[in-house]
Amino acid sequence: MNQPNRSKILGTSLSLVLGRIIFFILGGILLFVNEEFYDSEGT
């Protein structure tokens, strides 16, 4: 009877970790694109 509850907790923690990873990746891409854009604008 404990199995469904455990999988539910696992799923929520997994989604939290995935969301955090996606957030960091998107943030890094945005920073990189911004720097590239400003570099091309400066020259």
PDB file of N, CA and C in Angstrom:
ATOM      1  N   MET A   1       0.834  -1.206   0.000  1.00  0.00           N
ATOM      2  CA  MET A   1       0.000   0.000   0.000  1.00  0.00           C
ATOM      3  C   MET A   1       0.868   1.256   0.000  1.00  0.00           C
ATOM      4  N   ASN A   2       2.119   1.111   0.399  1.00  0.00           N
ATOM      5  CA  ASN A   2       3.013   2.271   0.459  1.00  0.00           C
ATOM      6  C   ASN A   2       3.582   2.629  -0.912  1.00  0.00           C
ATOM      7  N   GLN A   3       3.566   1.669  -1.831  1.00  0.00           N
ATOM      8  CA  GLN A   3       4.214   1.879  -3.135  1.00  0.00           C
ATOM      9  C   GLN A   3       3.697   3.101  -3.888  1.00  0.00           C
ATOM     10  N   PRO A   4       2.372   3.273  -4.089  1.00  0.00           N
ATOM     11  CA  PRO A   4       1.863   4.428  -4.848  1.00  0.00           C
ATOM     12  C   PRO A   4       2.314   5.754  -4.244  1.00  0.00           C
ATOM     13  N   ASN A   5       2.265   5.859  -2.917  1.00  0.00           N
ATOM     14  CA  ASN A   5       2.660   7.091  -2.242  1.00  0.00           C
ATOM     15  C   ASN A   5       4.120   7.399  -2.502  1.00  0.00           C
ATOM     16  N   ARG A   6       4.949   6.363  -2.433  1.00  0.00           N
ATOM     17  CA  ARG A   6       6.382   6.556  -2.639  1.00  0.00           C
ATOM     18  C   ARG A   6       6.654   7.029  -4.065  1.00  0.00           C
ATOM     19  N   SER A   7       5.998   6.403  -5.029  1.00  0.00           N
ATOM     20  CA  SER A   7       6.206   6.784  -6.433  1.00  0.00           C
ATOM     21  C   SER A   7       5.717   8.217  -6.653  1.00  0.00           C
ATOM     22  N   LYS A   8       4.663   8.600  -5.939  1.00  0.00           N
ATOM     23  CA  LYS A   8       4.136   9.964  -6.066  1.00  0.00           C
ATOM     24  C   LYS A   8       5.179  10.964  -5.574  1.00  0.00           C
ATOM     25  N   ILE A   9       5.783  10.686  -4.425  1.00  0.00           N
ATOM     26  CA  ILE A   9       6.823  11.563  -3.871  1.00  0.00           C
ATOM     27  C   ILE A   9       8.016  11.603  -4.819  1.00  0.00           C
ATOM     28  N   LEU A  10       8.382  10.437  -5.355  1.00  0.00           N
ATOM     29  CA  LEU A  10       9.508  10.352  -6.289  1.00  0.00           C
ATOM     30  C   LEU A  10       9.220  11.203  -7.515  1.00  0.00           C
ATOM     31  N   GLY A  11       8.012  11.134  -8.015  1.00  0.00           N
ATOM     32  CA  GLY A  11       7.648  11.886  -9.215  1.00  0.00           C
ATOM     33  C   GLY A  11       7.730  13.380  -8.979  1.00  0.00           C
ATOM     34  N   THR A  12       7.244  13.846  -7.827  1.00  0.00           N
ATOM     35  CA  THR A  12       7.273  15.279  -7.542  1.00  0.00           C
ATOM     36  C   THR A  12       8.710  15.762  -7.397  1.00  0.00           C
ATOM     37  N   SER A  13       9.551  14.979  -6.700  1.00  0.00           N
ATOM     38  CA  SER A  13      10.948  15.385  -6.526  1.00  0.00           C
ATOM     39  C   SER A  13      11.664  15.364  -7.870  1.00  0.00           C
ATOM     40  N   LEU A  14      11.334  14.391  -8.720  1.00  0.00           N
ATOM     41  CA  LEU A  14      11.948  14.307 -10.043  1.00  0.00           C
ATOM     42  C   LEU A  14      11.568  15.514 -10.874  1.00  0.00           C
ATOM     43  N   SER A  15      10.297  15.891 -10.832  1.00  0.00           N
ATOM     44  CA  SER A  15       9.833  17.045 -11.617  1.00  0.00           C
ATOM     45  C   SER A  15      10.497  18.323 -11.103  1.00  0.00           C
ATOM     46  N   LEU A  16      10.706  18.410  -9.788  1.00  0.00           N
ATOM     47  CA  LEU A  16      11.375  19.589  -9.223  1.00  0.00           C
ATOM     48  C   LEU A  16      12.802  19.678  -9.731  1.00  0.00           C
ATOM     49  N   VAL A  17      13.510  18.548  -9.705  1.00  0.00           N
ATOM     50  CA  VAL A  17      14.904  18.518 -10.169  1.00  0.00           C
ATOM     51  C   VAL A  17      14.960  18.844 -11.654  1.00  0.00           C
ATOM     52  N   LEU A  18      14.052  18.240 -12.429  1.00  0.00           N
ATOM     53  CA  LEU A  18      14.033  18.492 -13.872  1.00  0.00           C
ATOM     54  C   LEU A  18      13.758  19.965 -14.149  1.00  0.00           C
ATOM     55  N   GLY A  19      12.805  20.536 -13.436  1.00  0.00           N
ATOM     56  CA  GLY A  19      12.469  21.947 -13.621  1.00  0.00           C
ATOM     57  C   GLY A  19      13.668  22.831 -13.319  1.00  0.00           C
ATOM     58  N   ARG A  20      14.396  22.482 -12.255  1.00  0.00           N
ATOM     59  CA  ARG A  20      15.573  23.265 -11.882  1.00  0.00           C
ATOM     60  C   ARG A  20      16.649  23.171 -12.967  1.00  0.00           C
ATOM     61  N   ILE A  21      16.865  21.959 -13.473  1.00  0.00           N
ATOM     62  CA  ILE A  21      17.875  21.762 -14.528  1.00  0.00           C
ATOM     63  C   ILE A  21      17.494  22.549 -15.775  1.00  0.00           C
ATOM     64  N   ILE A  22      16.212  22.456 -16.171  1.00  0.00           N
ATOM     65  CA  ILE A  22      15.749  23.179 -17.364  1.00  0.00           C
ATOM     66  C   ILE A  22      15.910  24.685 -17.145  1.00  0.00           C
ATOM     67  N   PHE A  23      15.606  25.149 -15.929  1.00  0.00           N
ATOM     68  CA  PHE A  23      15.723  26.574 -15.616  1.00  0.00           C
ATOM     69  C   PHE A  23      17.164  27.043 -15.772  1.00  0.00           C
ATOM     70  N   PHE A  24      18.110  26.238 -15.247  1.00  0.00           N
ATOM     71  CA  PHE A  24      19.525  26.600 -15.341  1.00  0.00           C
ATOM     72  C   PHE A  24      19.989  26.598 -16.789  1.00  0.00           C
ATOM     73  N   ILE A  25      19.557  25.594 -17.564  1.00  0.00           N
ATOM     74  CA  ILE A  25      19.968  25.498 -18.974  1.00  0.00           C
ATOM     75  C   ILE A  25      19.429  26.701 -19.749  1.00  0.00           C
ATOM     76  N   LEU A  26      18.155  27.016 -19.541  1.00  0.00           N
ATOM     77  CA  LEU A  26      17.554  28.159 -20.246  1.00  0.00           C
ATOM     78  C   LEU A  26      18.254  29.452 -19.841  1.00  0.00           C
ATOM     79  N   GLY A  27      18.545  29.598 -18.562  1.00  0.00           N
ATOM     80  CA  GLY A  27      19.233  30.804 -18.085  1.00  0.00           C
ATOM     81  C   GLY A  27      20.610  30.925 -18.727  1.00  0.00           C
ATOM     82  N   GLY A  28      21.339  29.821 -18.814  1.00  0.00           N
ATOM     83  CA  GLY A  28      22.667  29.839 -19.434  1.00  0.00           C
ATOM     84  C   GLY A  28      22.582  30.205 -20.903  1.00  0.00           C
ATOM     85  N   ILE A  29      21.604  29.646 -21.609  1.00  0.00           N
ATOM     86  CA  ILE A  29      21.436  29.949 -23.038  1.00  0.00           C
ATOM     87  C   ILE A  29      21.103  31.424 -23.219  1.00  0.00           C
ATOM     88  N   LEU A  30      20.206  31.941 -22.371  1.00  0.00           N
ATOM     89  CA  LEU A  30      19.823  33.353 -22.473  1.00  0.00           C
ATOM     90  C   LEU A  30      21.031  34.252 -22.221  1.00  0.00           C
ATOM     91  N   LEU A  31      21.837  33.922 -21.208  1.00  0.00           N
ATOM     92  CA  LEU A  31      23.029  34.714 -20.913  1.00  0.00           C
ATOM     93  C   LEU A  31      23.988  34.678 -22.100  1.00  0.00           C
ATOM     94  N   PHE A  32      24.192  33.488 -22.649  1.00  0.00           N
ATOM     95  CA  PHE A  32      25.115  33.335 -23.786  1.00  0.00           C
ATOM     96  C   PHE A  32      24.631  34.139 -24.981  1.00  0.00           C
ATOM     97  N   VAL A  33      23.324  34.040 -25.280  1.00  0.00           N
ATOM     98  CA  VAL A  33      22.757  34.767 -26.425  1.00  0.00           C
ATOM     99  C   VAL A  33      22.880  36.272 -26.200  1.00  0.00           C
ATOM    100  N   ASN A  34      22.614  36.717 -24.970  1.00  0.00           N
ATOM    101  CA  ASN A  34      22.719  38.147 -24.664  1.00  0.00           C
ATOM    102  C   ASN A  34      24.140  38.643 -24.892  1.00  0.00           C
ATOM    103  N   GLU A  35      25.132  37.898 -24.421  1.00  0.00           N
ATOM    104  CA  GLU A  35      26.531  38.309 -24.582  1.00  0.00           C
ATOM    105  C   GLU A  35      26.892  38.344 -26.056  1.00  0.00           C
ATOM    106  N   GLU A  36      26.471  37.337 -26.801  1.00  0.00           N
ATOM    107  CA  GLU A  36      26.755  37.298 -28.241  1.00  0.00           C
ATOM    108  C   GLU A  36      26.104  38.491 -28.933  1.00  0.00           C
ATOM    109  N   PHE A  37      24.862  38.787 -28.570  1.00  0.00           N
ATOM    110  CA  PHE A  37      24.130  39.886 -29.187  1.00  0.00           C
ATOM    111  C   PHE A  37      24.820  41.220 -28.904  1.00  0.00           C
ATOM    112  N   TYR A  38      25.210  41.424 -27.643  1.00  0.00           N
ATOM    113  CA  TYR A  38      25.861  42.689 -27.278  1.00  0.00           C
ATOM    114  C   TYR A  38      27.226  42.803 -27.949  1.00  0.00           C
ATOM    115  N   ASP A  39      27.937  41.671 -28.081  1.00  0.00           N
ATOM    116  CA  ASP A  39      29.244  41.693 -28.750  1.00  0.00           C
ATOM    117  C   ASP A  39      29.078  42.118 -30.202  1.00  0.00           C
ATOM    118  N   SER A  40      28.084  41.565 -30.880  1.00  0.00           N
ATOM    119  CA  SER A  40      27.883  41.895 -32.292  1.00  0.00           C
ATOM    120  C   SER A  40      27.402  43.344 -32.426  1.00  0.00           C
ATOM    121  N   GLU A  41      26.651  43.821 -31.439  1.00  0.00           N
ATOM    122  CA  GLU A  41      26.157  45.202 -31.480  1.00  0.00           C
ATOM    123  C   GLU A  41      27.297  46.182 -31.221  1.00  0.00           C
ATOM    124  N   GLY A  42      28.201  45.826 -30.319  1.00  0.00           N
ATOM    125  CA  GLY A  42      29.302  46.716 -29.973  1.00  0.00           C
ATOM    126  C   GLY A  42      30.225  46.941 -31.158  1.00  0.00           C
ATOM    127  N   THR A  43      30.456  45.917 -31.965  1.00  0.00           N
ATOM    128  CA  THR A  43      31.366  46.047 -33.109  1.00  0.00           C
ATOM    129  C   THR A  43      30.622  46.507 -34.295  1.00  0.00           C
TER     130      THR A  43
END
